[in-house]
Amino acid sequence: MARKISELYEMQVYSTEGAFLGVTEDFTFDDVEGRLVEIEISAGRRGERRRISYDSVKACKDIYIVEI
């Protein structure tokens, strides 16, 4: 299913164990391979940022599920 990138911003991100990790803030796109390679999430009260390989994403519909 194709989706607009704009629909993927500000989605909640959870680990496969069910722990809340943060909210999607940005993405890294490889224009040579034509695919997303990383998601950047904002976590915690201080807005700490963390990058997660897009290969770690196990599911994405209403939330992200990632294996870390």
PDB file of N, CA and C in Angstrom:
ATOM      1  N   MET A   1       0.831  -1.167   0.000  1.00  0.00           N
ATOM      2  CA  MET A   1       0.000   0.000   0.000  1.00  0.00           C
ATOM      3  C   MET A   1       0.888   1.248   0.000  1.00  0.00           C
ATOM      4  N   ALA A   2       0.652   2.151  -0.888  1.00  0.00           N
ATOM      5  CA  ALA A   2       1.407   3.398  -0.961  1.00  0.00           C
ATOM      6  C   ALA A   2       0.790   4.429  -0.020  1.00  0.00           C
ATOM      7  N   ARG A   3       1.668   5.190   0.644  1.00  0.00           N
ATOM      8  CA  ARG A   3       1.228   6.251   1.551  1.00  0.00           C
ATOM      9  C   ARG A   3       2.059   7.491   1.300  1.00  0.00           C
ATOM     10  N   LYS A   4       1.498   8.621   1.607  1.00  0.00           N
ATOM     11  CA  LYS A   4       2.236   9.873   1.536  1.00  0.00           C
ATOM     12  C   LYS A   4       3.157   9.970   2.747  1.00  0.00           C
ATOM     13  N   ILE A   5       4.347  10.497   2.540  1.00  0.00           N
ATOM     14  CA  ILE A   5       5.293  10.680   3.639  1.00  0.00           C
ATOM     15  C   ILE A   5       4.672  11.567   4.713  1.00  0.00           C
ATOM     16  N   SER A   6       3.909  12.563   4.317  1.00  0.00           N
ATOM     17  CA  SER A   6       3.322  13.483   5.297  1.00  0.00           C
ATOM     18  C   SER A   6       2.418  12.760   6.292  1.00  0.00           C
ATOM     19  N   GLU A   7       1.875  11.615   5.929  1.00  0.00           N
ATOM     20  CA  GLU A   7       1.022  10.836   6.834  1.00  0.00           C
ATOM     21  C   GLU A   7       1.836  10.119   7.918  1.00  0.00           C
ATOM     22  N   LEU A   8       3.150  10.013   7.721  1.00  0.00           N
ATOM     23  CA  LEU A   8       3.995   9.248   8.633  1.00  0.00           C
ATOM     24  C   LEU A   8       4.595  10.091   9.757  1.00  0.00           C
ATOM     25  N   TYR A   9       4.481  11.413   9.653  1.00  0.00           N
ATOM     26  CA  TYR A   9       5.013  12.295  10.695  1.00  0.00           C
ATOM     27  C   TYR A   9       4.129  12.264  11.935  1.00  0.00           C
ATOM     28  N   GLU A  10       4.771  12.458  13.089  1.00  0.00           N
ATOM     29  CA  GLU A  10       4.107  12.543  14.390  1.00  0.00           C
ATOM     30  C   GLU A  10       3.326  11.276  14.753  1.00  0.00           C
ATOM     31  N   MET A  11       3.824  10.137  14.271  1.00  0.00           N
ATOM     32  CA  MET A  11       3.237   8.857  14.649  1.00  0.00           C
ATOM     33  C   MET A  11       3.991   8.306  15.855  1.00  0.00           C
ATOM     34  N   GLN A  12       3.284   7.647  16.745  1.00  0.00           N
ATOM     35  CA  GLN A  12       3.919   7.043  17.906  1.00  0.00           C
ATOM     36  C   GLN A  12       4.725   5.820  17.479  1.00  0.00           C
ATOM     37  N   VAL A  13       5.860   5.622  18.157  1.00  0.00           N
ATOM     38  CA  VAL A  13       6.762   4.513  17.862  1.00  0.00           C
ATOM     39  C   VAL A  13       6.892   3.656  19.114  1.00  0.00           C
ATOM     40  N   TYR A  14       6.669   2.340  18.955  1.00  0.00           N
ATOM     41  CA  TYR A  14       6.765   1.374  20.045  1.00  0.00           C
ATOM     42  C   TYR A  14       7.729   0.263  19.666  1.00  0.00           C
ATOM     43  N   SER A  15       8.375  -0.311  20.681  1.00  0.00           N
ATOM     44  CA  SER A  15       9.236  -1.468  20.449  1.00  0.00           C
ATOM     45  C   SER A  15       8.348  -2.706  20.278  1.00  0.00           C
ATOM     46  N   THR A  16       8.937  -3.789  19.803  1.00  0.00           N
ATOM     47  CA  THR A  16       8.184  -5.038  19.662  1.00  0.00           C
ATOM     48  C   THR A  16       7.751  -5.580  21.012  1.00  0.00           C
ATOM     49  N   GLU A  17       8.391  -5.092  22.100  1.00  0.00           N
ATOM     50  CA  GLU A  17       8.005  -5.501  23.456  1.00  0.00           C
ATOM     51  C   GLU A  17       6.896  -4.614  24.023  1.00  0.00           C
ATOM     52  N   GLY A  18       6.493  -3.576  23.280  1.00  0.00           N
ATOM     53  CA  GLY A  18       5.405  -2.708  23.713  1.00  0.00           C
ATOM     54  C   GLY A  18       5.821  -1.441  24.426  1.00  0.00           C
ATOM     55  N   ALA A  19       7.118  -1.150  24.494  1.00  0.00           N
ATOM     56  CA  ALA A  19       7.591   0.065  25.156  1.00  0.00           C
ATOM     57  C   ALA A  19       7.468   1.265  24.215  1.00  0.00           C
ATOM     58  N   PHE A  20       6.944   2.369  24.732  1.00  0.00           N
ATOM     59  CA  PHE A  20       6.846   3.602  23.952  1.00  0.00           C
ATOM     60  C   PHE A  20       8.236   4.193  23.792  1.00  0.00           C
ATOM     61  N   LEU A  21       8.637   4.478  22.552  1.00  0.00           N
ATOM     62  CA  LEU A  21       9.972   5.005  22.275  1.00  0.00           C
ATOM     63  C   LEU A  21       9.959   6.489  21.934  1.00  0.00           C
ATOM     64  N   GLY A  22       8.876   6.983  21.346  1.00  0.00           N
ATOM     65  CA  GLY A  22       8.813   8.389  20.964  1.00  0.00           C
ATOM     66  C   GLY A  22       7.855   8.608  19.812  1.00  0.00           C
ATOM     67  N   VAL A  23       8.049   9.738  19.124  1.00  0.00           N
ATOM     68  CA  VAL A  23       7.179  10.163  18.032  1.00  0.00           C
ATOM     69  C   VAL A  23       8.053  10.480  16.822  1.00  0.00           C
ATOM     70  N   THR A  24       7.617  10.075  15.631  1.00  0.00           N
ATOM     71  CA  THR A  24       8.401  10.328  14.422  1.00  0.00           C
ATOM     72  C   THR A  24       8.494  11.825  14.151  1.00  0.00           C
ATOM     73  N   GLU A  25       9.705  12.280  13.861  1.00  0.00           N
ATOM     74  CA  GLU A  25       9.966  13.694  13.584  1.00  0.00           C
ATOM     75  C   GLU A  25      10.510  13.916  12.175  1.00  0.00           C
ATOM     76  N   ASP A  26      11.325  12.956  11.682  1.00  0.00           N
ATOM     77  CA  ASP A  26      11.945  13.143  10.373  1.00  0.00           C
ATOM     78  C   ASP A  26      12.323  11.787   9.789  1.00  0.00           C
ATOM     79  N   PHE A  27      12.680  11.790   8.508  1.00  0.00           N
ATOM     80  CA  PHE A  27      13.034  10.572   7.789  1.00  0.00           C
ATOM     81  C   PHE A  27      14.262  10.835   6.940  1.00  0.00           C
ATOM     82  N   THR A  28      15.052   9.786   6.707  1.00  0.00           N
ATOM     83  CA  THR A  28      16.164   9.856   5.771  1.00  0.00           C
ATOM     84  C   THR A  28      15.809   8.969   4.589  1.00  0.00           C
ATOM     85  N   PHE A  29      15.866   9.553   3.394  1.00  0.00           N
ATOM     86  CA  PHE A  29      15.489   8.866   2.166  1.00  0.00           C
ATOM     87  C   PHE A  29      16.710   8.723   1.280  1.00  0.00           C
ATOM     88  N   ASP A  30      16.969   7.511   0.793  1.00  0.00           N
ATOM     89  CA  ASP A  30      18.059   7.248  -0.143  1.00  0.00           C
ATOM     90  C   ASP A  30      17.492   7.391  -1.550  1.00  0.00           C
ATOM     91  N   ASP A  31      17.836   8.498  -2.206  1.00  0.00           N
ATOM     92  CA  ASP A  31      17.258   8.739  -3.536  1.00  0.00           C
ATOM     93  C   ASP A  31      17.889   7.880  -4.624  1.00  0.00           C
ATOM     94  N   VAL A  32      19.026   7.245  -4.342  1.00  0.00           N
ATOM     95  CA  VAL A  32      19.630   6.328  -5.309  1.00  0.00           C
ATOM     96  C   VAL A  32      18.867   5.000  -5.298  1.00  0.00           C
ATOM     97  N   GLU A  33      18.615   4.467  -4.096  1.00  0.00           N
ATOM     98  CA  GLU A  33      17.895   3.199  -3.966  1.00  0.00           C
ATOM     99  C   GLU A  33      16.383   3.386  -3.966  1.00  0.00           C
ATOM    100  N   GLY A  34      15.932   4.611  -3.738  1.00  0.00           N
ATOM    101  CA  GLY A  34      14.504   4.893  -3.748  1.00  0.00           C
ATOM    102  C   GLY A  34      13.760   4.322  -2.555  1.00  0.00           C
ATOM    103  N   ARG A  35      14.360   4.443  -1.351  1.00  0.00           N
ATOM    104  CA  ARG A  35      13.703   3.891  -0.164  1.00  0.00           C
ATOM    105  C   ARG A  35      14.067   4.689   1.074  1.00  0.00           C
ATOM    106  N   LEU A  36      13.225   4.573   2.103  1.00  0.00           N
ATOM    107  CA  LEU A  36      13.523   5.164   3.395  1.00  0.00           C
ATOM    108  C   LEU A  36      14.600   4.333   4.068  1.00  0.00           C
ATOM    109  N   VAL A  37      15.565   4.995   4.712  1.00  0.00           N
ATOM    110  CA  VAL A  37      16.640   4.263   5.379  1.00  0.00           C
ATOM    111  C   VAL A  37      16.642   4.466   6.894  1.00  0.00           C
ATOM    112  N   GLU A  38      16.090   5.577   7.374  1.00  0.00           N
ATOM    113  CA  GLU A  38      16.041   5.842   8.813  1.00  0.00           C
ATOM    114  C   GLU A  38      14.800   6.634   9.169  1.00  0.00           C
ATOM    115  N   ILE A  39      14.348   6.432  10.405  1.00  0.00           N
ATOM    116  CA  ILE A  39      13.365   7.338  10.973  1.00  0.00           C
ATOM    117  C   ILE A  39      14.033   8.010  12.164  1.00  0.00           C
ATOM    118  N   GLU A  40      13.698   9.257  12.375  1.00  0.00           N
ATOM    119  CA  GLU A  40      14.210   9.991  13.524  1.00  0.00           C
ATOM    120  C   GLU A  40      13.031  10.246  14.446  1.00  0.00           C
ATOM    121  N   ILE A  41      13.211   9.864  15.702  1.00  0.00           N
ATOM    122  CA  ILE A  41      12.128  10.039  16.657  1.00  0.00           C
ATOM    123  C   ILE A  41      12.548  11.008  17.750  1.00  0.00           C
ATOM    124  N   SER A  42      11.564  11.671  18.303  1.00  0.00           N
ATOM    125  CA  SER A  42      11.750  12.556  19.443  1.00  0.00           C
ATOM    126  C   SER A  42      11.217  11.820  20.658  1.00  0.00           C
ATOM    127  N   ALA A  43      12.047  11.755  21.697  1.00  0.00           N
ATOM    128  CA  ALA A  43      11.658  10.991  22.883  1.00  0.00           C
ATOM    129  C   ALA A  43      11.933  11.798  24.143  1.00  0.00           C
ATOM    130  N   GLY A  44      11.151  11.563  25.145  1.00  0.00           N
ATOM    131  CA  GLY A  44      11.381  12.197  26.429  1.00  0.00           C
ATOM    132  C   GLY A  44      10.905  13.629  26.482  1.00  0.00           C
ATOM    133  N   ARG A  45      10.922  14.174  27.659  1.00  0.00           N
ATOM    134  CA  ARG A  45      10.447  15.542  27.880  1.00  0.00           C
ATOM    135  C   ARG A  45      11.377  16.589  27.274  1.00  0.00           C
ATOM    136  N   ARG A  46      12.645  16.245  27.152  1.00  0.00           N
ATOM    137  CA  ARG A  46      13.615  17.191  26.604  1.00  0.00           C
ATOM    138  C   ARG A  46      13.689  17.121  25.081  1.00  0.00           C
ATOM    139  N   GLY A  47      12.883  16.294  24.464  1.00  0.00           N
ATOM    140  CA  GLY A  47      12.880  16.186  23.011  1.00  0.00           C
ATOM    141  C   GLY A  47      14.128  15.559  22.443  1.00  0.00           C
ATOM    142  N   GLU A  48      14.738  14.648  23.199  1.00  0.00           N
ATOM    143  CA  GLU A  48      15.934  13.965  22.719  1.00  0.00           C
ATOM    144  C   GLU A  48      15.601  13.221  21.425  1.00  0.00           C
ATOM    145  N   ARG A  49      16.516  13.273  20.491  1.00  0.00           N
ATOM    146  CA  ARG A  49      16.279  12.623  19.197  1.00  0.00           C
ATOM    147  C   ARG A  49      17.081  11.341  19.096  1.00  0.00           C
ATOM    148  N   ARG A  50      16.488  10.393  18.399  1.00  0.00           N
ATOM    149  CA  ARG A  50      17.116   9.079  18.200  1.00  0.00           C
ATOM    150  C   ARG A  50      16.832   8.638  16.775  1.00  0.00           C
ATOM    151  N   ARG A  51      17.818   8.040  16.120  1.00  0.00           N
ATOM    152  CA  ARG A  51      17.643   7.518  14.758  1.00  0.00           C
ATOM    153  C   ARG A  51      17.522   6.003  14.817  1.00  0.00           C
ATOM    154  N   ILE A  52      16.584   5.490  14.037  1.00  0.00           N
ATOM    155  CA  ILE A  52      16.352   4.047  13.979  1.00  0.00           C
ATOM    156  C   ILE A  52      16.348   3.631  12.513  1.00  0.00           C
ATOM    157  N   SER A  53      17.094   2.590  12.196  1.00  0.00           N
ATOM    158  CA  SER A  53      17.129   2.082  10.828  1.00  0.00           C
ATOM    159  C   SER A  53      15.722   1.669  10.384  1.00  0.00           C
ATOM    160  N   TYR A  54      15.370   2.035   9.164  1.00  0.00           N
ATOM    161  CA  TYR A  54      14.038   1.666   8.679  1.00  0.00           C
ATOM    162  C   TYR A  54      13.910   0.149   8.502  1.00  0.00           C
ATOM    163  N   ASP A  55      15.021  -0.555   8.408  1.00  0.00           N
ATOM    164  CA  ASP A  55      14.991  -2.019   8.345  1.00  0.00           C
ATOM    165  C   ASP A  55      14.457  -2.618   9.640  1.00  0.00           C
ATOM    166  N   SER A  56      14.492  -1.847  10.738  1.00  0.00           N
ATOM    167  CA  SER A  56      13.998  -2.310  12.034  1.00  0.00           C
ATOM    168  C   SER A  56      12.483  -2.207  12.164  1.00  0.00           C
ATOM    169  N   VAL A  57      11.847  -1.508  11.228  1.00  0.00           N
ATOM    170  CA  VAL A  57      10.397  -1.337  11.289  1.00  0.00           C
ATOM    171  C   VAL A  57       9.713  -2.661  10.947  1.00  0.00           C
ATOM    172  N   LYS A  58       8.877  -3.125  11.865  1.00  0.00           N
ATOM    173  CA  LYS A  58       8.157  -4.387  11.666  1.00  0.00           C
ATOM    174  C   LYS A  58       6.719  -4.153  11.227  1.00  0.00           C
ATOM    175  N   ALA A  59       6.144  -2.999  11.574  1.00  0.00           N
ATOM    176  CA  ALA A  59       4.768  -2.679  11.188  1.00  0.00           C
ATOM    177  C   ALA A  59       4.570  -1.173  11.229  1.00  0.00           C
ATOM    178  N   CYS A  60       3.717  -0.682  10.334  1.00  0.00           N
ATOM    179  CA  CYS A  60       3.391   0.735  10.305  1.00  0.00           C
ATOM    180  C   CYS A  60       1.981   0.888   9.743  1.00  0.00           C
ATOM    181  N   LYS A  61       1.070   1.264  10.609  1.00  0.00           N
ATOM    182  CA  LYS A  61      -0.286   1.583  10.164  1.00  0.00           C
ATOM    183  C   LYS A  61      -0.731   2.822  10.925  1.00  0.00           C
ATOM    184  N   ASP A  62      -1.237   2.648  12.125  1.00  0.00           N
ATOM    185  CA  ASP A  62      -1.603   3.776  12.977  1.00  0.00           C
ATOM    186  C   ASP A  62      -0.446   4.163  13.892  1.00  0.00           C
ATOM    187  N   ILE A  63       0.479   3.225  14.129  1.00  0.00           N
ATOM    188  CA  ILE A  63       1.689   3.431  14.916  1.00  0.00           C
ATOM    189  C   ILE A  63       2.815   2.673  14.239  1.00  0.00           C
ATOM    190  N   TYR A  64       4.044   2.954  14.678  1.00  0.00           N
ATOM    191  CA  TYR A  64       5.204   2.177  14.230  1.00  0.00           C
ATOM    192  C   TYR A  64       5.521   1.125  15.298  1.00  0.00           C
ATOM    193  N   ILE A  65       5.869  -0.067  14.844  1.00  0.00           N
ATOM    194  CA  ILE A  65       6.427  -1.099  15.705  1.00  0.00           C
ATOM    195  C   ILE A  65       7.827  -1.372  15.175  1.00  0.00           C
ATOM    196  N   VAL A  66       8.844  -1.202  16.052  1.00  0.00           N
ATOM    197  CA  VAL A  66      10.228  -1.394  15.622  1.00  0.00           C
ATOM    198  C   VAL A  66      10.929  -2.388  16.526  1.00  0.00           C
ATOM    199  N   GLU A  67      11.846  -3.125  15.930  1.00  0.00           N
ATOM    200  CA  GLU A  67      12.655  -4.079  16.694  1.00  0.00           C
ATOM    201  C   GLU A  67      13.986  -3.401  16.994  1.00  0.00           C
ATOM    202  N   ILE A  68      14.286  -3.242  18.279  1.00  0.00           N
ATOM    203  CA  ILE A  68      15.541  -2.573  18.644  1.00  0.00           C
ATOM    204  C   ILE A  68      16.371  -3.500  19.531  1.00  0.00           C
TER     205      ILE A  68
END
